[in-house]
Amino acid sequence: MVVRVGIVGATGYTGLELFRILENHPQVEVVWATSERFAGMSFAEYCPAWRNRCTLLLQKQELTEGIQGVDAVFLALPHGVAMEYVPALMEKTRVIDLGADFRLKEVSAYEKAYRLPHRAQGVLAEAVYGLSEVYRGEIRNARLVANPGCYPTSVLLPLYPLVRAGVNVTSLIVDSKSGVSGAGKKATEDIHFCEVDENFKAYKVGEHRHQPEMEEKLRVWGSEAELVFVPHLLPLKRGILSTMYLDLARDWEEKALWLLWEEAFSGEPWVRVLPPGHFPELKWVVGSNFIDIGLKRVGQGKVVIVSAIDNLTKGASGQAVQNLNIMFGIDERQGLPQGVFYP
């Protein structure tokens, strides 16, 4: 079986990452790709790394006849743009949206976080949140998958075993650090080389757009812990390291907590639970679709969890391809990178 796909928004960082991954996928063919800004240019002209590897011509984002010829469409568009395309696309094909427009079920939370009205509420109820290891059953039959944000992936997956086991978390502080590619390709002063190089800073403290996404999912899972989320910008291209500080209602032995992770993620090809007291590093995940998780009990009822992902892979395009594999009954490991960019 070969799954034929289209990519809308192919020249952003997530679109380029989709190409990198799908090039090595033996059961997927990229039939067409669009770019509003670079339409009419060959993909190899736009990105010379693809010379002698890709003959696709970038198209305008009109999406008419081409929809009929694909089994699924990836949307790699800024927030607020995907909702213009999704209802029409869903009438003809399956959709994986890498943007934020369908991640939140609570419309008011979306509109507050992204400061624009939601114009596709009619299909919002059908969207399946694409956290692969948690919602695999729903993803399998979905017409629309809302791929999670990068920060939420790095936070929600490590917390899921606790919530699933009914562990009462009374306090939750999340300190996340991301490479600059998480900000996307659009140039702003904050991400200029001179602003980022040899610098390290917190930003959007308590008001990052991914916070409502995490809060909503934790509520759905039954957690009542108030989330304090502080993102930081690293002078790196790729990678997210998230450190979670938890207060528990009762004390747990470290080994017992670790076993919750082992049980929840047993057999999961892309989740690596480290031995107790060992913690992940970015250099062992960047370039791959892995999430590495470590934990340590640091006091009476106090636990620290650390996770590491590549924000463009497991945090975006890799998880999107993992979801495509689930949707079409393909082995979830198929086509996804295991090797890292090391050294």
C-alpha atoms as a PDB file:
ATOM      1  CA  MET A   1       0.000   0.000   0.000  1.00  0.00           C
ATOM      2  CA  VAL A   2       1.196   3.498  -0.900  1.00  0.00           C
ATOM      3  CA  VAL A   3      -0.471   6.471   0.789  1.00  0.00           C
ATOM      4  CA  ARG A   4      -0.590   9.541  -1.458  1.00  0.00           C
ATOM      5  CA  VAL A   5      -0.332  12.850   0.396  1.00  0.00           C
ATOM      6  CA  GLY A   6      -0.261  16.584  -0.213  1.00  0.00           C
ATOM      7  CA  ILE A   7       1.491  19.201   1.911  1.00  0.00           C
ATOM      8  CA  VAL A   8       0.008  22.666   2.310  1.00  0.00           C
ATOM      9  CA  GLY A   9       2.654  25.129   3.464  1.00  0.00           C
ATOM     10  CA  ALA A  10       5.681  23.123   2.417  1.00  0.00           C
ATOM     11  CA  THR A  11       8.393  25.766   2.819  1.00  0.00           C
ATOM     12  CA  GLY A  12       8.126  26.468   6.556  1.00  0.00           C
ATOM     13  CA  TYR A  13      10.215  24.576   9.065  1.00  0.00           C
ATOM     14  CA  THR A  14       7.526  21.934   9.706  1.00  0.00           C
ATOM     15  CA  GLY A  15       6.858  21.543   5.986  1.00  0.00           C
ATOM     16  CA  LEU A  16      10.552  21.026   5.301  1.00  0.00           C
ATOM     17  CA  GLU A  17      10.743  18.537   8.158  1.00  0.00           C
ATOM     18  CA  LEU A  18       7.810  16.626   6.638  1.00  0.00           C
ATOM     19  CA  PHE A  19       9.756  16.354   3.395  1.00  0.00           C
ATOM     20  CA  ARG A  20      12.853  15.141   5.256  1.00  0.00           C
ATOM     21  CA  ILE A  21      10.863  12.385   6.947  1.00  0.00           C
ATOM     22  CA  LEU A  22       8.604  11.360   4.070  1.00  0.00           C
ATOM     23  CA  GLU A  23      11.562  11.062   1.679  1.00  0.00           C
ATOM     24  CA  ASN A  24      12.517   7.906   3.585  1.00  0.00           C
ATOM     25  CA  HIS A  25       8.996   6.542   4.029  1.00  0.00           C
ATOM     26  CA  PRO A  26       8.561   3.487   1.785  1.00  0.00           C
ATOM     27  CA  GLN A  27       4.756   3.627   1.927  1.00  0.00           C
ATOM     28  CA  VAL A  28       4.106   7.336   1.322  1.00  0.00           C
ATOM     29  CA  GLU A  29       4.300   9.406  -1.859  1.00  0.00           C
ATOM     30  CA  VAL A  30       4.188  13.212  -1.749  1.00  0.00           C
ATOM     31  CA  VAL A  31       2.015  14.020  -4.768  1.00  0.00           C
ATOM     32  CA  TRP A  32       1.940  17.803  -4.489  1.00  0.00           C
ATOM     33  CA  ALA A  33       3.081  20.618  -2.220  1.00  0.00           C
ATOM     34  CA  THR A  34       2.032  24.238  -1.935  1.00  0.00           C
ATOM     35  CA  SER A  35       3.684  27.498  -0.984  1.00  0.00           C
ATOM     36  CA  GLU A  36       1.941  30.851  -1.161  1.00  0.00           C
ATOM     37  CA  ARG A  37       5.198  32.758  -1.401  1.00  0.00           C
ATOM     38  CA  PHE A  38       7.259  30.451  -3.621  1.00  0.00           C
ATOM     39  CA  ALA A  39       4.593  29.043  -5.951  1.00  0.00           C
ATOM     40  CA  GLY A  40       5.923  28.252  -9.412  1.00  0.00           C
ATOM     41  CA  MET A  41       9.413  27.462  -8.132  1.00  0.00           C
ATOM     42  CA  SER A  42      10.655  23.898  -8.040  1.00  0.00           C
ATOM     43  CA  PHE A  43      11.186  22.524  -4.562  1.00  0.00           C
ATOM     44  CA  ALA A  44      14.835  21.879  -5.417  1.00  0.00           C
ATOM     45  CA  GLU A  45      15.263  25.536  -6.439  1.00  0.00           C
ATOM     46  CA  TYR A  46      13.773  26.709  -3.173  1.00  0.00           C
ATOM     47  CA  CYS A  47      15.830  24.273  -1.084  1.00  0.00           C
ATOM     48  CA  PRO A  48      19.017  23.213  -2.935  1.00  0.00           C
ATOM     49  CA  ALA A  49      19.498  20.276  -0.567  1.00  0.00           C
ATOM     50  CA  TRP A  50      16.804  18.589  -2.677  1.00  0.00           C
ATOM     51  CA  ARG A  51      18.626  18.841  -6.006  1.00  0.00           C
ATOM     52  CA  ASN A  52      18.549  15.505  -7.834  1.00  0.00           C
ATOM     53  CA  ARG A  53      16.121  14.230  -5.178  1.00  0.00           C
ATOM     54  CA  CYS A  54      12.792  15.972  -5.809  1.00  0.00           C
ATOM     55  CA  THR A  55      11.030  17.104  -8.986  1.00  0.00           C
ATOM     56  CA  LEU A  56       7.944  18.658  -7.392  1.00  0.00           C
ATOM     57  CA  LEU A  57       6.847  22.131  -8.482  1.00  0.00           C
ATOM     58  CA  LEU A  58       5.468  24.238  -5.632  1.00  0.00           C
ATOM     59  CA  GLN A  59       1.849  25.231  -6.280  1.00  0.00           C
ATOM     60  CA  LYS A  60      -0.427  28.012  -5.126  1.00  0.00           C
ATOM     61  CA  GLN A  61      -2.662  27.138  -2.191  1.00  0.00           C
ATOM     62  CA  GLU A  62      -5.879  26.914  -4.234  1.00  0.00           C
ATOM     63  CA  LEU A  63      -6.554  23.248  -3.429  1.00  0.00           C
ATOM     64  CA  THR A  64      -9.098  22.275  -6.048  1.00  0.00           C
ATOM     65  CA  GLU A  65      -8.433  19.341  -8.357  1.00  0.00           C
ATOM     66  CA  GLY A  66      -5.399  18.053  -6.455  1.00  0.00           C
ATOM     67  CA  ILE A  67      -7.452  17.063  -3.437  1.00  0.00           C
ATOM     68  CA  GLN A  68      -9.083  14.236  -5.353  1.00  0.00           C
ATOM     69  CA  GLY A  69      -5.733  12.558  -5.971  1.00  0.00           C
ATOM     70  CA  VAL A  70      -4.526  12.174  -2.382  1.00  0.00           C
ATOM     71  CA  ASP A  71      -5.431  10.029   0.606  1.00  0.00           C
ATOM     72  CA  ALA A  72      -4.445  12.652   3.181  1.00  0.00           C
ATOM     73  CA  VAL A  73      -3.324  16.270   3.413  1.00  0.00           C
ATOM     74  CA  PHE A  74      -0.856  17.760   5.891  1.00  0.00           C
ATOM     75  CA  LEU A  75      -1.475  21.404   6.791  1.00  0.00           C
ATOM     76  CA  ALA A  76       1.694  23.198   7.922  1.00  0.00           C
ATOM     77  CA  LEU A  77       0.228  26.687   8.214  1.00  0.00           C
ATOM     78  CA  PRO A  78       0.193  29.514  10.766  1.00  0.00           C
ATOM     79  CA  HIS A  79      -2.653  29.599  13.279  1.00  0.00           C
ATOM     80  CA  GLY A  80      -5.829  31.115  11.886  1.00  0.00           C
ATOM     81  CA  VAL A  81      -5.089  29.994   8.316  1.00  0.00           C
ATOM     82  CA  ALA A  82      -5.796  26.247   8.458  1.00  0.00           C
ATOM     83  CA  MET A  83      -9.416  26.784   9.505  1.00  0.00           C
ATOM     84  CA  GLU A  84     -10.059  28.352   6.094  1.00  0.00           C
ATOM     85  CA  TYR A  85      -9.155  25.081   4.358  1.00  0.00           C
ATOM     86  CA  VAL A  86     -10.168  22.274   6.687  1.00  0.00           C
ATOM     87  CA  PRO A  87     -13.975  22.059   6.183  1.00  0.00           C
ATOM     88  CA  ALA A  88     -13.613  21.773   2.386  1.00  0.00           C
ATOM     89  CA  LEU A  89     -10.687  19.360   2.640  1.00  0.00           C
ATOM     90  CA  MET A  90     -12.579  17.056   5.006  1.00  0.00           C
ATOM     91  CA  GLU A  91     -15.283  16.534   2.382  1.00  0.00           C
ATOM     92  CA  LYS A  92     -12.741  14.875   0.086  1.00  0.00           C
ATOM     93  CA  THR A  93      -9.817  13.539   2.099  1.00  0.00           C
ATOM     94  CA  ARG A  94      -8.334  13.050   5.584  1.00  0.00           C
ATOM     95  CA  VAL A  95      -6.477  15.904   7.224  1.00  0.00           C
ATOM     96  CA  ILE A  96      -3.591  16.233   9.670  1.00  0.00           C
ATOM     97  CA  ASP A  97      -3.297  19.830  10.854  1.00  0.00           C
ATOM     98  CA  LEU A  98       0.062  20.748  12.383  1.00  0.00           C
ATOM     99  CA  GLY A  99      -1.238  24.144  13.491  1.00  0.00           C
ATOM    100  CA  ALA A 100      -3.233  25.213  16.522  1.00  0.00           C
ATOM    101  CA  ASP A 101      -6.694  25.779  15.070  1.00  0.00           C
ATOM    102  CA  PHE A 102      -8.269  22.475  16.150  1.00  0.00           C
ATOM    103  CA  ARG A 103      -6.293  21.503  19.258  1.00  0.00           C
ATOM    104  CA  LEU A 104      -8.577  23.213  21.752  1.00  0.00           C
ATOM    105  CA  LYS A 105     -12.200  22.147  22.167  1.00  0.00           C
ATOM    106  CA  GLU A 106     -13.015  25.244  24.220  1.00  0.00           C
ATOM    107  CA  VAL A 107     -13.533  27.967  21.617  1.00  0.00           C
ATOM    108  CA  SER A 108     -13.246  30.841  24.090  1.00  0.00           C
ATOM    109  CA  ALA A 109      -9.838  29.581  25.254  1.00  0.00           C
ATOM    110  CA  TYR A 110      -8.619  29.409  21.655  1.00  0.00           C
ATOM    111  CA  GLU A 111      -9.907  32.859  20.822  1.00  0.00           C
ATOM    112  CA  LYS A 112      -8.318  34.363  23.921  1.00  0.00           C
ATOM    113  CA  ALA A 113      -4.950  32.689  23.338  1.00  0.00           C
ATOM    114  CA  TYR A 114      -4.729  33.380  19.613  1.00  0.00           C
ATOM    115  CA  ARG A 115      -6.707  36.647  19.544  1.00  0.00           C
ATOM    116  CA  LEU A 116      -8.917  35.821  16.586  1.00  0.00           C
ATOM    117  CA  PRO A 117     -12.366  34.297  16.078  1.00  0.00           C
ATOM    118  CA  HIS A 118     -12.663  30.601  15.315  1.00  0.00           C
ATOM    119  CA  ARG A 119     -14.330  30.345  11.911  1.00  0.00           C
ATOM    120  CA  ALA A 120     -14.634  26.551  11.606  1.00  0.00           C
ATOM    121  CA  GLN A 121     -16.466  25.560  14.771  1.00  0.00           C
ATOM    122  CA  GLY A 122     -18.682  23.193  12.771  1.00  0.00           C
ATOM    123  CA  VAL A 123     -15.889  20.628  12.445  1.00  0.00           C
ATOM    124  CA  LEU A 124     -14.176  21.300  15.772  1.00  0.00           C
ATOM    125  CA  ALA A 125     -16.057  18.546  17.601  1.00  0.00           C
ATOM    126  CA  GLU A 126     -14.771  15.957  15.123  1.00  0.00           C
ATOM    127  CA  ALA A 127     -11.099  16.870  15.537  1.00  0.00           C
ATOM    128  CA  VAL A 128      -9.025  14.228  17.336  1.00  0.00           C
ATOM    129  CA  TYR A 129      -6.097  15.414  19.412  1.00  0.00           C
ATOM    130  CA  GLY A 130      -3.061  13.748  17.874  1.00  0.00           C
ATOM    131  CA  LEU A 131      -1.031  12.771  20.931  1.00  0.00           C
ATOM    132  CA  SER A 132      -0.206   9.438  19.333  1.00  0.00           C
ATOM    133  CA  GLU A 133       0.453   7.252  22.381  1.00  0.00           C
ATOM    134  CA  VAL A 134      -2.681   8.442  24.196  1.00  0.00           C
ATOM    135  CA  TYR A 135      -5.318   8.782  21.461  1.00  0.00           C
ATOM    136  CA  ARG A 136      -4.244   6.012  19.093  1.00  0.00           C
ATOM    137  CA  GLY A 137      -7.718   4.436  18.952  1.00  0.00           C
ATOM    138  CA  GLU A 138      -9.449   7.679  17.987  1.00  0.00           C
ATOM    139  CA  ILE A 139      -6.707   8.676  15.521  1.00  0.00           C
ATOM    140  CA  ARG A 140      -7.146   5.403  13.627  1.00  0.00           C
ATOM    141  CA  ASN A 141     -10.564   6.414  12.284  1.00  0.00           C
ATOM    142  CA  ALA A 142     -10.244  10.204  12.335  1.00  0.00           C
ATOM    143  CA  ARG A 143     -11.006  12.459   9.404  1.00  0.00           C
ATOM    144  CA  LEU A 144      -9.251  15.377  11.126  1.00  0.00           C
ATOM    145  CA  VAL A 145      -6.250  15.054  13.440  1.00  0.00           C
ATOM    146  CA  ALA A 146      -5.102  18.117  15.388  1.00  0.00           C
ATOM    147  CA  ASN A 147      -1.386  17.576  15.867  1.00  0.00           C
ATOM    148  CA  PRO A 148      -0.270  18.711  19.356  1.00  0.00           C
ATOM    149  CA  GLY A 149       2.003  21.656  19.988  1.00  0.00           C
ATOM    150  CA  CYS A 150       5.678  21.014  20.675  1.00  0.00           C
ATOM    151  CA  TYR A 151       5.679  22.178  24.303  1.00  0.00           C
ATOM    152  CA  PRO A 152       2.485  20.224  25.113  1.00  0.00           C
ATOM    153  CA  THR A 153       3.972  17.034  23.644  1.00  0.00           C
ATOM    154  CA  SER A 154       7.024  17.391  25.886  1.00  0.00           C
ATOM    155  CA  VAL A 155       4.820  17.943  28.958  1.00  0.00           C
ATOM    156  CA  LEU A 156       1.645  15.910  28.477  1.00  0.00           C
ATOM    157  CA  LEU A 157       3.235  12.587  27.555  1.00  0.00           C
ATOM    158  CA  PRO A 158       5.428  12.462  30.697  1.00  0.00           C
ATOM    159  CA  LEU A 159       2.463  13.443  32.911  1.00  0.00           C
ATOM    160  CA  TYR A 160      -0.016  11.008  31.364  1.00  0.00           C
ATOM    161  CA  PRO A 161       1.020   7.892  33.372  1.00  0.00           C
ATOM    162  CA  LEU A 162       0.497   9.781  36.639  1.00  0.00           C
ATOM    163  CA  VAL A 163      -2.940  11.045  35.711  1.00  0.00           C
ATOM    164  CA  ARG A 164      -3.926   7.663  34.269  1.00  0.00           C
ATOM    165  CA  ALA A 165      -3.037   6.031  37.592  1.00  0.00           C
ATOM    166  CA  GLY A 166      -5.041   8.579  39.574  1.00  0.00           C
ATOM    167  CA  VAL A 167      -2.023  10.160  41.281  1.00  0.00           C
ATOM    168  CA  ASN A 168      -3.162  13.413  42.876  1.00  0.00           C
ATOM    169  CA  VAL A 169      -0.829  16.230  41.799  1.00  0.00           C
ATOM    170  CA  THR A 170      -1.383  19.285  43.997  1.00  0.00           C
ATOM    171  CA  SER A 171       1.192  21.585  42.396  1.00  0.00           C
ATOM    172  CA  LEU A 172       2.697  21.574  38.896  1.00  0.00           C
ATOM    173  CA  ILE A 173       5.444  23.892  37.684  1.00  0.00           C
ATOM    174  CA  VAL A 174       6.798  23.384  34.170  1.00  0.00           C
ATOM    175  CA  ASP A 175      10.068  24.951  33.038  1.00  0.00           C
ATOM    176  CA  SER A 176      10.589  24.380  29.297  1.00  0.00           C
ATOM    177  CA  LYS A 177      13.475  25.397  27.074  1.00  0.00           C
ATOM    178  CA  SER A 178      13.199  25.416  23.283  1.00  0.00           C
ATOM    179  CA  GLY A 179      15.418  25.945  20.288  1.00  0.00           C
ATOM    180  CA  VAL A 180      14.677  28.894  18.004  1.00  0.00           C
ATOM    181  CA  SER A 181      13.041  26.870  15.209  1.00  0.00           C
ATOM    182  CA  GLY A 182       9.989  26.588  17.475  1.00  0.00           C
ATOM    183  CA  ALA A 183       9.238  30.237  16.674  1.00  0.00           C
ATOM    184  CA  GLY A 184       8.825  29.442  12.974  1.00  0.00           C
ATOM    185  CA  LYS A 185      10.407  31.091   9.938  1.00  0.00           C
ATOM    186  CA  LYS A 186       8.792  34.506  10.110  1.00  0.00           C
ATOM    187  CA  ALA A 187      11.471  37.016  11.061  1.00  0.00           C
ATOM    188  CA  THR A 188      11.039  39.018  14.253  1.00  0.00           C
ATOM    189  CA  GLU A 189      13.592  41.002  16.253  1.00  0.00           C
ATOM    190  CA  ASP A 190      13.437  38.543  19.171  1.00  0.00           C
ATOM    191  CA  ILE A 191      14.857  35.687  17.092  1.00  0.00           C
ATOM    192  CA  HIS A 192      17.544  37.549  15.146  1.00  0.00           C
ATOM    193  CA  PHE A 193      20.975  35.943  15.481  1.00  0.00           C
ATOM    194  CA  CYS A 194      22.361  38.861  17.496  1.00  0.00           C
ATOM    195  CA  GLU A 195      19.453  38.623  19.958  1.00  0.00           C
ATOM    196  CA  VAL A 196      19.645  34.843  20.462  1.00  0.00           C
ATOM    197  CA  ASP A 197      23.331  33.944  20.204  1.00  0.00           C
ATOM    198  CA  GLU A 198      25.044  33.652  23.610  1.00  0.00           C
ATOM    199  CA  ASN A 199      21.758  34.561  25.287  1.00  0.00           C
ATOM    200  CA  PHE A 200      19.133  32.717  27.316  1.00  0.00           C
ATOM    201  CA  LYS A 201      15.808  34.108  28.466  1.00  0.00           C
ATOM    202  CA  ALA A 202      12.300  33.364  29.678  1.00  0.00           C
ATOM    203  CA  TYR A 203       9.438  34.671  27.547  1.00  0.00           C
ATOM    204  CA  LYS A 204       5.635  34.853  27.633  1.00  0.00           C
ATOM    205  CA  VAL A 205       5.669  33.772  31.272  1.00  0.00           C
ATOM    206  CA  GLY A 206       2.212  32.541  32.261  1.00  0.00           C
ATOM    207  CA  GLU A 207       0.710  33.562  28.915  1.00  0.00           C
ATOM    208  CA  HIS A 208       2.183  31.283  26.268  1.00  0.00           C
ATOM    209  CA  ARG A 209      -0.359  30.057  23.700  1.00  0.00           C
ATOM    210  CA  HIS A 210       0.402  26.428  24.472  1.00  0.00           C
ATOM    211  CA  GLN A 211      -0.593  26.747  28.122  1.00  0.00           C
ATOM    212  CA  PRO A 212      -4.386  26.521  27.511  1.00  0.00           C
ATOM    213  CA  GLU A 213      -3.771  23.419  25.376  1.00  0.00           C
ATOM    214  CA  MET A 214      -1.976  21.701  28.241  1.00  0.00           C
ATOM    215  CA  GLU A 215      -4.522  22.867  30.815  1.00  0.00           C
ATOM    216  CA  GLU A 216      -7.469  21.592  28.785  1.00  0.00           C
ATOM    217  CA  LYS A 217      -5.983  18.129  28.290  1.00  0.00           C
ATOM    218  CA  LEU A 218      -5.000  17.806  31.953  1.00  0.00           C
ATOM    219  CA  ARG A 219      -8.582  18.701  32.969  1.00  0.00           C
ATOM    220  CA  VAL A 220      -9.983  16.139  30.522  1.00  0.00           C
ATOM    221  CA  TRP A 221      -7.703  13.517  32.069  1.00  0.00           C
ATOM    222  CA  GLY A 222      -8.997  14.404  35.525  1.00  0.00           C
ATOM    223  CA  SER A 223      -6.142  16.463  36.937  1.00  0.00           C
ATOM    224  CA  GLU A 224      -7.030  19.491  39.050  1.00  0.00           C
ATOM    225  CA  ALA A 225      -3.467  20.764  39.465  1.00  0.00           C
ATOM    226  CA  GLU A 226      -2.933  24.417  38.617  1.00  0.00           C
ATOM    227  CA  LEU A 227      -0.256  24.733  35.946  1.00  0.00           C
ATOM    228  CA  VAL A 228       2.540  27.299  36.108  1.00  0.00           C
ATOM    229  CA  PHE A 229       4.310  27.277  32.736  1.00  0.00           C
ATOM    230  CA  VAL A 230       7.521  29.168  31.999  1.00  0.00           C
ATOM    231  CA  PRO A 231       9.042  28.762  28.499  1.00  0.00           C
ATOM    232  CA  HIS A 232      12.619  29.787  27.702  1.00  0.00           C
ATOM    233  CA  LEU A 233      14.461  30.414  24.453  1.00  0.00           C
ATOM    234  CA  LEU A 234      17.697  28.498  23.949  1.00  0.00           C
ATOM    235  CA  PRO A 235      20.429  29.671  21.529  1.00  0.00           C
ATOM    236  CA  LEU A 236      19.961  26.415  19.581  1.00  0.00           C
ATOM    237  CA  LYS A 237      18.151  25.502  16.369  1.00  0.00           C
ATOM    238  CA  ARG A 238      16.237  22.449  17.582  1.00  0.00           C
ATOM    239  CA  GLY A 239      15.143  20.644  20.698  1.00  0.00           C
ATOM    240  CA  ILE A 240      12.972  21.059  23.815  1.00  0.00           C
ATOM    241  CA  LEU A 241      13.987  20.126  27.339  1.00  0.00           C
ATOM    242  CA  SER A 242      11.072  20.332  29.796  1.00  0.00           C
ATOM    243  CA  THR A 243      11.519  20.068  33.545  1.00  0.00           C
ATOM    244  CA  MET A 244       8.382  19.443  35.634  1.00  0.00           C
ATOM    245  CA  TYR A 245       8.288  20.045  39.392  1.00  0.00           C
ATOM    246  CA  LEU A 246       5.435  18.159  41.065  1.00  0.00           C
ATOM    247  CA  ASP A 247       3.986  18.143  44.572  1.00  0.00           C
ATOM    248  CA  LEU A 248       1.928  15.008  45.238  1.00  0.00           C
ATOM    249  CA  ALA A 249      -0.918  14.691  47.747  1.00  0.00           C
ATOM    250  CA  ARG A 250       0.855  11.682  49.260  1.00  0.00           C
ATOM    251  CA  ASP A 251       4.388  10.416  49.109  1.00  0.00           C
ATOM    252  CA  TRP A 252       5.386   7.784  46.533  1.00  0.00           C
ATOM    253  CA  GLU A 253       8.480   5.639  46.332  1.00  0.00           C
ATOM    254  CA  GLU A 254      10.572   6.535  43.303  1.00  0.00           C
ATOM    255  CA  LYS A 255      10.514   2.956  42.000  1.00  0.00           C
ATOM    256  CA  ALA A 256       6.710   2.838  42.191  1.00  0.00           C
ATOM    257  CA  LEU A 257       6.408   6.029  40.146  1.00  0.00           C
ATOM    258  CA  TRP A 258       8.910   4.748  37.614  1.00  0.00           C
ATOM    259  CA  LEU A 259       6.863   1.576  37.203  1.00  0.00           C
ATOM    260  CA  LEU A 260       3.843   3.706  36.228  1.00  0.00           C
ATOM    261  CA  TRP A 261       5.871   5.032  33.288  1.00  0.00           C
ATOM    262  CA  GLU A 262       7.142   1.575  32.403  1.00  0.00           C
ATOM    263  CA  GLU A 263       3.603   0.188  32.372  1.00  0.00           C
ATOM    264  CA  ALA A 264       2.071   3.091  30.433  1.00  0.00           C
ATOM    265  CA  PHE A 265       4.749   3.114  27.736  1.00  0.00           C
ATOM    266  CA  SER A 266       5.591  -0.568  27.482  1.00  0.00           C
ATOM    267  CA  GLY A 267       5.958  -1.421  23.808  1.00  0.00           C
ATOM    268  CA  GLU A 268       5.798   2.205  22.669  1.00  0.00           C
ATOM    269  CA  PRO A 269       8.420   2.546  19.913  1.00  0.00           C
ATOM    270  CA  TRP A 270       9.039   6.278  20.360  1.00  0.00           C
ATOM    271  CA  VAL A 271       8.991   6.666  24.159  1.00  0.00           C
ATOM    272  CA  ARG A 272      12.177   5.880  26.085  1.00  0.00           C
ATOM    273  CA  VAL A 273      11.865   5.803  29.881  1.00  0.00           C
ATOM    274  CA  LEU A 274      15.282   6.176  31.495  1.00  0.00           C
ATOM    275  CA  PRO A 275      16.284   4.366  34.709  1.00  0.00           C
ATOM    276  CA  PRO A 276      15.389   6.221  37.933  1.00  0.00           C
ATOM    277  CA  GLY A 277      17.731   9.112  38.611  1.00  0.00           C
ATOM    278  CA  HIS A 278      18.885   9.377  34.984  1.00  0.00           C
ATOM    279  CA  PHE A 279      17.835  12.349  32.861  1.00  0.00           C
ATOM    280  CA  PRO A 280      17.559  12.983  29.125  1.00  0.00           C
ATOM    281  CA  GLU A 281      19.738  15.284  27.037  1.00  0.00           C
ATOM    282  CA  LEU A 282      18.860  17.077  23.821  1.00  0.00           C
ATOM    283  CA  LYS A 283      21.799  15.631  21.889  1.00  0.00           C
ATOM    284  CA  TRP A 284      20.331  12.121  22.223  1.00  0.00           C
ATOM    285  CA  VAL A 285      16.976  13.020  20.632  1.00  0.00           C
ATOM    286  CA  VAL A 286      17.521  15.881  18.144  1.00  0.00           C
ATOM    287  CA  GLY A 287      16.888  14.584  14.639  1.00  0.00           C
ATOM    288  CA  SER A 288      14.796  11.645  15.865  1.00  0.00           C
ATOM    289  CA  ASN A 289      11.153  10.988  16.731  1.00  0.00           C
ATOM    290  CA  PHE A 290      11.971   9.857  20.274  1.00  0.00           C
ATOM    291  CA  ILE A 291      10.822  11.385  23.518  1.00  0.00           C
ATOM    292  CA  ASP A 292      13.140  10.561  26.420  1.00  0.00           C
ATOM    293  CA  ILE A 293      11.791  10.781  29.982  1.00  0.00           C
ATOM    294  CA  GLY A 294      13.552  10.690  33.335  1.00  0.00           C
ATOM    295  CA  LEU A 295      12.284  11.169  36.905  1.00  0.00           C
ATOM    296  CA  LYS A 296      13.536  11.488  40.454  1.00  0.00           C
ATOM    297  CA  ARG A 297      11.915  11.750  43.877  1.00  0.00           C
ATOM    298  CA  VAL A 298      13.524  14.788  45.519  1.00  0.00           C
ATOM    299  CA  GLY A 299      11.672  14.957  48.839  1.00  0.00           C
ATOM    300  CA  GLN A 300       8.503  14.013  50.701  1.00  0.00           C
ATOM    301  CA  GLY A 301       5.835  13.991  47.966  1.00  0.00           C
ATOM    302  CA  LYS A 302       8.102  15.937  45.613  1.00  0.00           C
ATOM    303  CA  VAL A 303       9.059  14.647  42.157  1.00  0.00           C
ATOM    304  CA  VAL A 304      11.043  16.065  39.240  1.00  0.00           C
ATOM    305  CA  ILE A 305      10.366  14.818  35.712  1.00  0.00           C
ATOM    306  CA  VAL A 306      12.525  15.772  32.724  1.00  0.00           C
ATOM    307  CA  SER A 307      11.716  15.149  29.070  1.00  0.00           C
ATOM    308  CA  ALA A 308      13.579  15.821  25.830  1.00  0.00           C
ATOM    309  CA  ILE A 309      12.270  15.942  22.261  1.00  0.00           C
ATOM    310  CA  ASP A 310      13.142  17.416  18.905  1.00  0.00           C
ATOM    311  CA  ASN A 311      10.522  20.152  18.565  1.00  0.00           C
ATOM    312  CA  LEU A 312      10.345  19.741  14.771  1.00  0.00           C
ATOM    313  CA  THR A 313      10.127  15.941  14.839  1.00  0.00           C
ATOM    314  CA  LYS A 314       8.302  14.392  17.811  1.00  0.00           C
ATOM    315  CA  GLY A 315       7.022  17.894  18.599  1.00  0.00           C
ATOM    316  CA  ALA A 316       5.598  18.480  15.117  1.00  0.00           C
ATOM    317  CA  SER A 317       6.236  16.730  11.787  1.00  0.00           C
ATOM    318  CA  GLY A 318       7.434  13.389  13.149  1.00  0.00           C
ATOM    319  CA  GLN A 319       4.358  13.011  15.325  1.00  0.00           C
ATOM    320  CA  ALA A 320       2.236  14.028  12.306  1.00  0.00           C
ATOM    321  CA  VAL A 321       3.761  11.177  10.266  1.00  0.00           C
ATOM    322  CA  GLN A 322       3.328   8.831  13.233  1.00  0.00           C
ATOM    323  CA  ASN A 323      -0.354   9.787  13.186  1.00  0.00           C
ATOM    324  CA  LEU A 324      -0.531   9.188   9.427  1.00  0.00           C
ATOM    325  CA  ASN A 325       0.857   5.704  10.006  1.00  0.00           C
ATOM    326  CA  ILE A 326      -1.822   5.057  12.627  1.00  0.00           C
ATOM    327  CA  MET A 327      -4.592   6.347  10.341  1.00  0.00           C
ATOM    328  CA  PHE A 328      -3.612   4.006   7.508  1.00  0.00           C
ATOM    329  CA  GLY A 329      -2.671   0.916   9.509  1.00  0.00           C
ATOM    330  CA  ILE A 330       1.076   1.265   8.915  1.00  0.00           C
ATOM    331  CA  ASP A 331       3.670   0.278  11.505  1.00  0.00           C
ATOM    332  CA  GLU A 332       4.240   3.435  13.598  1.00  0.00           C
ATOM    333  CA  ARG A 333       8.000   3.106  13.222  1.00  0.00           C
ATOM    334  CA  GLN A 334       7.814   3.148   9.439  1.00  0.00           C
ATOM    335  CA  GLY A 335       9.664   6.033   7.786  1.00  0.00           C
ATOM    336  CA  LEU A 336      10.412   7.861  11.034  1.00  0.00           C
ATOM    337  CA  PRO A 337      14.001   8.760  11.997  1.00  0.00           C
ATOM    338  CA  GLN A 338      15.724   6.966  14.872  1.00  0.00           C
ATOM    339  CA  GLY A 339      19.176   8.421  14.320  1.00  0.00           C
ATOM    340  CA  VAL A 340      20.176  11.722  15.889  1.00  0.00           C
ATOM    341  CA  PHE A 341      22.248  14.679  14.676  1.00  0.00           C
ATOM    342  CA  TYR A 342      25.288  13.778  16.785  1.00  0.00           C
ATOM    343  CA  PRO A 343      27.994  14.973  16.984  1.00  0.00           C
END
